[in-house]
Amino acid sequence: MRYIWLLIVACFCFATNANAQTKGYNEWGIGYGYNGSMVNIGSEIRGSNRGGINLLLSIDHYLSEKWSVKGKLQYDMKGWGSSNSLDSPEKDIKLDHELNYLSLPILINFHFGQGKAFYTHLGPYGAVLLSGKKIDNGVAVKPDVSRMNMGILWGFGGQVRVKDNVKFFAEFNVLGTFIGAKRSADGNKYHNGVSALTIGFNF
């Protein structure tokens, strides 16, 4: 639980610091979306995909018309699906895993196009496991996975103004991991990657 509070405090401090020390403006956002997650061990063994949702709060601090720094506090459903036909000695990669994380990405945004309606962003993220389960022979058991998850997030999106201070946005993100969900019997990491489509509002 202490990791969750640390992530929340870090996001709050980031927002407060941005307001206090720069002359730019801040744009807050809320969003909801779909996560498609999968797992691979090394470069050869790949598990089945699993669907889930994401929920986010964000603050985007503009350094200039083109550049901004965005912080997100995001609930992510990750994991992987079952695959009994997979040819692998690793049992866990064949079992359905539901892994729910609280994520904190810090991103550099580049805004472009007419009216700066489009953007692309890149940056690191850290995540802590909130809850999880795996299904073994029809029974839900606690998964043997790491509580912490770190990696790189890259994405792009667009936004359109719907009211004076409200913009609708849609974005696509890819999350890759540095710290794997766990290790296989031969020491290789389970990398749990995610592709996410999110819509929401900035204000």
C-alpha atoms as a PDB file:
ATOM      1  CA  MET A   1       0.000   0.000   0.000  1.00  0.00           C
ATOM      2  CA  ARG A   2       2.852   2.411   0.729  1.00  0.00           C
ATOM      3  CA  TYR A   3       3.945   2.238  -2.937  1.00  0.00           C
ATOM      4  CA  ILE A   4       0.496   3.432  -4.013  1.00  0.00           C
ATOM      5  CA  TRP A   5       0.672   6.464  -1.729  1.00  0.00           C
ATOM      6  CA  LEU A   6       4.203   7.251  -2.924  1.00  0.00           C
ATOM      7  CA  LEU A   7       2.974   7.281  -6.538  1.00  0.00           C
ATOM      8  CA  ILE A   8       0.032   9.539  -5.640  1.00  0.00           C
ATOM      9  CA  VAL A   9       2.264  11.955  -3.690  1.00  0.00           C
ATOM     10  CA  ALA A  10       4.791  12.030  -6.563  1.00  0.00           C
ATOM     11  CA  CYS A  11       2.052  12.919  -9.049  1.00  0.00           C
ATOM     12  CA  PHE A  12       0.722  15.662  -6.732  1.00  0.00           C
ATOM     13  CA  CYS A  13       4.210  17.115  -6.210  1.00  0.00           C
ATOM     14  CA  PHE A  14       4.822  17.105  -9.961  1.00  0.00           C
ATOM     15  CA  ALA A  15       1.622  19.072 -10.549  1.00  0.00           C
ATOM     16  CA  THR A  16       2.291  21.530  -7.726  1.00  0.00           C
ATOM     17  CA  ASN A  17       5.882  22.109  -8.825  1.00  0.00           C
ATOM     18  CA  ALA A  18       4.773  22.741 -12.410  1.00  0.00           C
ATOM     19  CA  ASN A  19       2.274  25.359 -11.278  1.00  0.00           C
ATOM     20  CA  ALA A  20       4.731  27.109  -8.987  1.00  0.00           C
ATOM     21  CA  GLN A  21       7.919  27.284 -11.009  1.00  0.00           C
ATOM     22  CA  THR A  22       6.987  27.843 -14.659  1.00  0.00           C
ATOM     23  CA  LYS A  23       5.173  30.473 -16.690  1.00  0.00           C
ATOM     24  CA  GLY A  24       3.342  27.965 -18.912  1.00  0.00           C
ATOM     25  CA  TYR A  25      -0.156  26.666 -18.410  1.00  0.00           C
ATOM     26  CA  ASN A  26      -1.442  23.321 -17.225  1.00  0.00           C
ATOM     27  CA  GLU A  27      -4.035  21.124 -18.874  1.00  0.00           C
ATOM     28  CA  TRP A  28      -5.777  18.438 -16.798  1.00  0.00           C
ATOM     29  CA  GLY A  29      -7.233  15.292 -18.316  1.00  0.00           C
ATOM     30  CA  ILE A  30      -9.381  12.252 -17.590  1.00  0.00           C
ATOM     31  CA  GLY A  31      -9.564   9.172 -19.778  1.00  0.00           C
ATOM     32  CA  TYR A  32     -10.894   5.649 -20.268  1.00  0.00           C
ATOM     33  CA  GLY A  33      -9.666   3.009 -22.645  1.00  0.00           C
ATOM     34  CA  TYR A  34      -8.871  -0.542 -23.709  1.00  0.00           C
ATOM     35  CA  ASN A  35      -5.637  -2.431 -23.002  1.00  0.00           C
ATOM     36  CA  GLY A  36      -4.466  -5.354 -25.096  1.00  0.00           C
ATOM     37  CA  SER A  37      -1.663  -7.092 -23.190  1.00  0.00           C
ATOM     38  CA  MET A  38       0.573 -10.065 -23.898  1.00  0.00           C
ATOM     39  CA  VAL A  39       3.692 -11.715 -22.541  1.00  0.00           C
ATOM     40  CA  ASN A  40       6.870 -13.055 -24.031  1.00  0.00           C
ATOM     41  CA  ILE A  41       9.917 -14.836 -22.650  1.00  0.00           C
ATOM     42  CA  GLY A  42      13.058 -13.735 -24.465  1.00  0.00           C
ATOM     43  CA  SER A  43      12.489 -13.325 -28.193  1.00  0.00           C
ATOM     44  CA  GLU A  44      11.058 -16.767 -29.017  1.00  0.00           C
ATOM     45  CA  ILE A  45       8.212 -17.685 -26.636  1.00  0.00           C
ATOM     46  CA  ARG A  46       5.057 -15.587 -26.776  1.00  0.00           C
ATOM     47  CA  GLY A  47       1.865 -16.096 -24.780  1.00  0.00           C
ATOM     48  CA  SER A  48      -1.744 -15.287 -25.615  1.00  0.00           C
ATOM     49  CA  ASN A  49      -3.285 -11.818 -25.594  1.00  0.00           C
ATOM     50  CA  ARG A  50      -5.589 -10.582 -22.850  1.00  0.00           C
ATOM     51  CA  GLY A  51      -7.996  -7.629 -22.864  1.00  0.00           C
ATOM     52  CA  GLY A  52      -8.565  -5.098 -20.075  1.00  0.00           C
ATOM     53  CA  ILE A  53      -9.254  -1.439 -19.359  1.00  0.00           C
ATOM     54  CA  ASN A  54      -7.299   1.659 -18.375  1.00  0.00           C
ATOM     55  CA  LEU A  55      -8.435   4.693 -16.372  1.00  0.00           C
ATOM     56  CA  LEU A  56      -6.323   7.832 -16.049  1.00  0.00           C
ATOM     57  CA  LEU A  57      -5.888  11.266 -14.574  1.00  0.00           C
ATOM     58  CA  SER A  58      -3.258  13.501 -16.172  1.00  0.00           C
ATOM     59  CA  ILE A  59      -1.657  16.922 -16.053  1.00  0.00           C
ATOM     60  CA  ASP A  60       0.103  18.353 -19.098  1.00  0.00           C
ATOM     61  CA  HIS A  61       2.396  21.310 -18.356  1.00  0.00           C
ATOM     62  CA  TYR A  62       3.225  23.374 -21.463  1.00  0.00           C
ATOM     63  CA  LEU A  63       6.816  24.582 -21.716  1.00  0.00           C
ATOM     64  CA  SER A  64       6.109  26.223 -25.078  1.00  0.00           C
ATOM     65  CA  GLU A  65       3.583  26.002 -27.885  1.00  0.00           C
ATOM     66  CA  LYS A  66       5.163  22.756 -29.129  1.00  0.00           C
ATOM     67  CA  TRP A  67       6.615  21.114 -26.013  1.00  0.00           C
ATOM     68  CA  SER A  68       5.070  19.971 -22.748  1.00  0.00           C
ATOM     69  CA  VAL A  69       5.678  17.554 -19.887  1.00  0.00           C
ATOM     70  CA  LYS A  70       2.821  15.217 -18.983  1.00  0.00           C
ATOM     71  CA  GLY A  71       2.335  13.219 -15.801  1.00  0.00           C
ATOM     72  CA  LYS A  72      -0.310  10.496 -15.524  1.00  0.00           C
ATOM     73  CA  LEU A  73      -1.805   8.506 -12.686  1.00  0.00           C
ATOM     74  CA  GLN A  74      -3.254   5.467 -14.394  1.00  0.00           C
ATOM     75  CA  TYR A  75      -5.046   2.213 -13.512  1.00  0.00           C
ATOM     76  CA  ASP A  76      -3.944  -0.512 -15.939  1.00  0.00           C
ATOM     77  CA  MET A  77      -5.292  -4.015 -16.391  1.00  0.00           C
ATOM     78  CA  LYS A  78      -2.448  -6.154 -17.735  1.00  0.00           C
ATOM     79  CA  GLY A  79      -1.509  -9.840 -17.786  1.00  0.00           C
ATOM     80  CA  TRP A  80      -1.886 -12.516 -20.445  1.00  0.00           C
ATOM     81  CA  GLY A  81      -4.358 -15.154 -21.576  1.00  0.00           C
ATOM     82  CA  SER A  82      -4.316 -18.936 -21.330  1.00  0.00           C
ATOM     83  CA  SER A  83      -2.699 -20.998 -24.075  1.00  0.00           C
ATOM     84  CA  ASN A  84      -2.697 -24.749 -23.432  1.00  0.00           C
ATOM     85  CA  SER A  85      -1.388 -25.476 -26.913  1.00  0.00           C
ATOM     86  CA  LEU A  86       1.753 -23.369 -26.460  1.00  0.00           C
ATOM     87  CA  ASP A  87       4.952 -25.420 -26.854  1.00  0.00           C
ATOM     88  CA  SER A  88       6.878 -24.308 -23.776  1.00  0.00           C
ATOM     89  CA  PRO A  89       8.136 -25.961 -20.572  1.00  0.00           C
ATOM     90  CA  GLU A  90       6.983 -22.859 -18.666  1.00  0.00           C
ATOM     91  CA  LYS A  91       3.626 -23.615 -17.036  1.00  0.00           C
ATOM     92  CA  ASP A  92       2.750 -20.040 -16.053  1.00  0.00           C
ATOM     93  CA  ILE A  93       2.922 -18.655 -19.585  1.00  0.00           C
ATOM     94  CA  LYS A  94       0.096 -21.072 -20.471  1.00  0.00           C
ATOM     95  CA  LEU A  95      -2.168 -19.901 -17.608  1.00  0.00           C
ATOM     96  CA  ASP A  96      -4.548 -16.926 -17.597  1.00  0.00           C
ATOM     97  CA  HIS A  97      -3.060 -14.059 -15.540  1.00  0.00           C
ATOM     98  CA  GLU A  98      -5.061 -10.973 -14.476  1.00  0.00           C
ATOM     99  CA  LEU A  99      -2.666  -8.292 -13.185  1.00  0.00           C
ATOM    100  CA  ASN A 100      -3.908  -4.852 -12.136  1.00  0.00           C
ATOM    101  CA  TYR A 101      -1.400  -2.012 -11.740  1.00  0.00           C
ATOM    102  CA  LEU A 102      -1.319   1.628 -10.683  1.00  0.00           C
ATOM    103  CA  SER A 103       1.051   3.337 -13.138  1.00  0.00           C
ATOM    104  CA  LEU A 104       2.845   6.692 -13.133  1.00  0.00           C
ATOM    105  CA  PRO A 105       4.237   7.698 -16.558  1.00  0.00           C
ATOM    106  CA  ILE A 106       6.231  10.935 -16.948  1.00  0.00           C
ATOM    107  CA  LEU A 107       6.251  11.933 -20.632  1.00  0.00           C
ATOM    108  CA  ILE A 108       7.759  14.524 -22.950  1.00  0.00           C
ATOM    109  CA  ASN A 109       5.068  15.699 -25.412  1.00  0.00           C
ATOM    110  CA  PHE A 110       5.660  17.204 -28.846  1.00  0.00           C
ATOM    111  CA  HIS A 111       2.616  19.011 -30.300  1.00  0.00           C
ATOM    112  CA  PHE A 112       2.322  19.567 -34.055  1.00  0.00           C
ATOM    113  CA  GLY A 113      -0.096  20.126 -36.923  1.00  0.00           C
ATOM    114  CA  GLN A 114      -2.664  22.827 -37.515  1.00  0.00           C
ATOM    115  CA  GLY A 115      -3.658  24.291 -34.176  1.00  0.00           C
ATOM    116  CA  LYS A 116      -1.223  21.840 -32.536  1.00  0.00           C
ATOM    117  CA  ALA A 117      -4.050  19.307 -32.633  1.00  0.00           C
ATOM    118  CA  PHE A 118      -1.732  16.282 -32.793  1.00  0.00           C
ATOM    119  CA  TYR A 119       0.978  15.089 -30.430  1.00  0.00           C
ATOM    120  CA  THR A 120       3.434  12.317 -29.770  1.00  0.00           C
ATOM    121  CA  HIS A 121       5.023  11.495 -26.430  1.00  0.00           C
ATOM    122  CA  LEU A 122       7.729   9.340 -24.895  1.00  0.00           C
ATOM    123  CA  GLY A 123       8.956   8.666 -21.388  1.00  0.00           C
ATOM    124  CA  PRO A 124       9.470   6.218 -18.524  1.00  0.00           C
ATOM    125  CA  TYR A 125       6.811   4.796 -16.267  1.00  0.00           C
ATOM    126  CA  GLY A 126       6.733   2.985 -12.953  1.00  0.00           C
ATOM    127  CA  ALA A 127       3.886   0.787 -11.744  1.00  0.00           C
ATOM    128  CA  VAL A 128       2.920  -1.092  -8.595  1.00  0.00           C
ATOM    129  CA  LEU A 129       0.776  -4.229  -8.538  1.00  0.00           C
ATOM    130  CA  LEU A 130      -2.598  -3.573  -6.875  1.00  0.00           C
ATOM    131  CA  SER A 131      -4.084  -7.052  -7.265  1.00  0.00           C
ATOM    132  CA  GLY A 132      -3.715 -10.136  -9.394  1.00  0.00           C
ATOM    133  CA  LYS A 133      -4.693 -13.740  -9.925  1.00  0.00           C
ATOM    134  CA  LYS A 134      -3.934 -16.677 -12.183  1.00  0.00           C
ATOM    135  CA  ILE A 135      -6.300 -19.485 -13.118  1.00  0.00           C
ATOM    136  CA  ASP A 136      -4.806 -22.943 -12.546  1.00  0.00           C
ATOM    137  CA  ASN A 137      -7.130 -25.879 -13.313  1.00  0.00           C
ATOM    138  CA  GLY A 138     -10.145 -23.610 -12.926  1.00  0.00           C
ATOM    139  CA  VAL A 139      -9.021 -22.259  -9.538  1.00  0.00           C
ATOM    140  CA  ALA A 140      -7.954 -18.635  -8.932  1.00  0.00           C
ATOM    141  CA  VAL A 141      -4.647 -18.499  -7.044  1.00  0.00           C
ATOM    142  CA  LYS A 142      -2.155 -15.753  -6.176  1.00  0.00           C
ATOM    143  CA  PRO A 143       0.299 -15.176  -9.047  1.00  0.00           C
ATOM    144  CA  ASP A 144       4.043 -15.382  -8.501  1.00  0.00           C
ATOM    145  CA  VAL A 145       4.907 -12.023 -10.095  1.00  0.00           C
ATOM    146  CA  SER A 146       6.912  -8.930  -9.209  1.00  0.00           C
ATOM    147  CA  ARG A 147       5.087  -6.129  -7.331  1.00  0.00           C
ATOM    148  CA  MET A 148       6.958  -3.455  -9.281  1.00  0.00           C
ATOM    149  CA  ASN A 149       6.950  -2.869 -13.020  1.00  0.00           C
ATOM    150  CA  MET A 150       9.023  -0.308 -14.966  1.00  0.00           C
ATOM    151  CA  GLY A 151       9.477   0.500 -18.609  1.00  0.00           C
ATOM    152  CA  ILE A 152       9.038   2.956 -21.480  1.00  0.00           C
ATOM    153  CA  LEU A 153       5.792   4.374 -22.854  1.00  0.00           C
ATOM    154  CA  TRP A 154       5.505   5.742 -26.395  1.00  0.00           C
ATOM    155  CA  GLY A 155       2.355   7.014 -28.018  1.00  0.00           C
ATOM    156  CA  PHE A 156       0.593   9.492 -30.271  1.00  0.00           C
ATOM    157  CA  GLY A 157      -2.811  11.115 -30.375  1.00  0.00           C
ATOM    158  CA  GLY A 158      -4.992  14.007 -31.368  1.00  0.00           C
ATOM    159  CA  GLN A 159      -7.429  16.362 -29.717  1.00  0.00           C
ATOM    160  CA  VAL A 160     -10.248  18.649 -30.819  1.00  0.00           C
ATOM    161  CA  ARG A 161     -11.837  21.525 -28.912  1.00  0.00           C
ATOM    162  CA  VAL A 162     -15.479  20.897 -27.993  1.00  0.00           C
ATOM    163  CA  LYS A 163     -15.972  23.907 -25.673  1.00  0.00           C
ATOM    164  CA  ASP A 164     -13.917  26.947 -24.714  1.00  0.00           C
ATOM    165  CA  ASN A 165     -11.787  25.084 -22.163  1.00  0.00           C
ATOM    166  CA  VAL A 166     -12.581  21.469 -23.007  1.00  0.00           C
ATOM    167  CA  LYS A 167     -10.890  19.234 -25.598  1.00  0.00           C
ATOM    168  CA  PHE A 168     -11.780  15.687 -26.602  1.00  0.00           C
ATOM    169  CA  PHE A 169      -8.728  13.462 -27.157  1.00  0.00           C
ATOM    170  CA  ALA A 170      -7.962  10.007 -28.497  1.00  0.00           C
ATOM    171  CA  GLU A 171      -4.527   8.402 -28.195  1.00  0.00           C
ATOM    172  CA  PHE A 172      -2.715   5.128 -28.804  1.00  0.00           C
ATOM    173  CA  ASN A 173       0.115   4.015 -26.506  1.00  0.00           C
ATOM    174  CA  VAL A 174       2.594   1.162 -26.375  1.00  0.00           C
ATOM    175  CA  LEU A 175       4.138   0.141 -23.040  1.00  0.00           C
ATOM    176  CA  GLY A 176       7.319  -1.911 -22.961  1.00  0.00           C
ATOM    177  CA  THR A 177       8.931  -3.273 -19.801  1.00  0.00           C
ATOM    178  CA  PHE A 178      12.456  -3.094 -18.371  1.00  0.00           C
ATOM    179  CA  ILE A 179      11.582  -5.027 -15.212  1.00  0.00           C
ATOM    180  CA  GLY A 180       9.730  -8.207 -16.147  1.00  0.00           C
ATOM    181  CA  ALA A 181       6.670  -9.606 -14.386  1.00  0.00           C
ATOM    182  CA  LYS A 182       8.741 -12.620 -13.256  1.00  0.00           C
ATOM    183  CA  ARG A 183      11.562 -14.911 -14.355  1.00  0.00           C
ATOM    184  CA  SER A 184      11.341 -18.265 -16.071  1.00  0.00           C
ATOM    185  CA  ALA A 185      13.010 -21.405 -14.774  1.00  0.00           C
ATOM    186  CA  ASP A 186      16.095 -20.718 -16.917  1.00  0.00           C
ATOM    187  CA  GLY A 187      16.358 -17.094 -15.696  1.00  0.00           C
ATOM    188  CA  ASN A 188      14.761 -15.236 -18.618  1.00  0.00           C
ATOM    189  CA  LYS A 189      12.297 -12.417 -17.895  1.00  0.00           C
ATOM    190  CA  TYR A 190       8.572 -12.481 -18.568  1.00  0.00           C
ATOM    191  CA  HIS A 191       7.973  -9.203 -20.449  1.00  0.00           C
ATOM    192  CA  ASN A 192       4.352  -8.055 -20.208  1.00  0.00           C
ATOM    193  CA  GLY A 193       3.775  -5.594 -23.063  1.00  0.00           C
ATOM    194  CA  VAL A 194       0.635  -3.499 -23.568  1.00  0.00           C
ATOM    195  CA  SER A 195      -1.007  -1.692 -26.479  1.00  0.00           C
ATOM    196  CA  ALA A 196      -3.617   0.806 -25.274  1.00  0.00           C
ATOM    197  CA  LEU A 197      -6.305   2.930 -26.934  1.00  0.00           C
ATOM    198  CA  THR A 198      -7.682   5.710 -24.701  1.00  0.00           C
ATOM    199  CA  ILE A 199     -10.259   8.466 -25.140  1.00  0.00           C
ATOM    200  CA  GLY A 200     -11.138  11.291 -22.778  1.00  0.00           C
ATOM    201  CA  PHE A 201     -11.252  15.011 -22.124  1.00  0.00           C
ATOM    202  CA  ASN A 202      -8.621  17.651 -21.374  1.00  0.00           C
ATOM    203  CA  PHE A 203      -9.541  20.879 -19.600  1.00  0.00           C
END
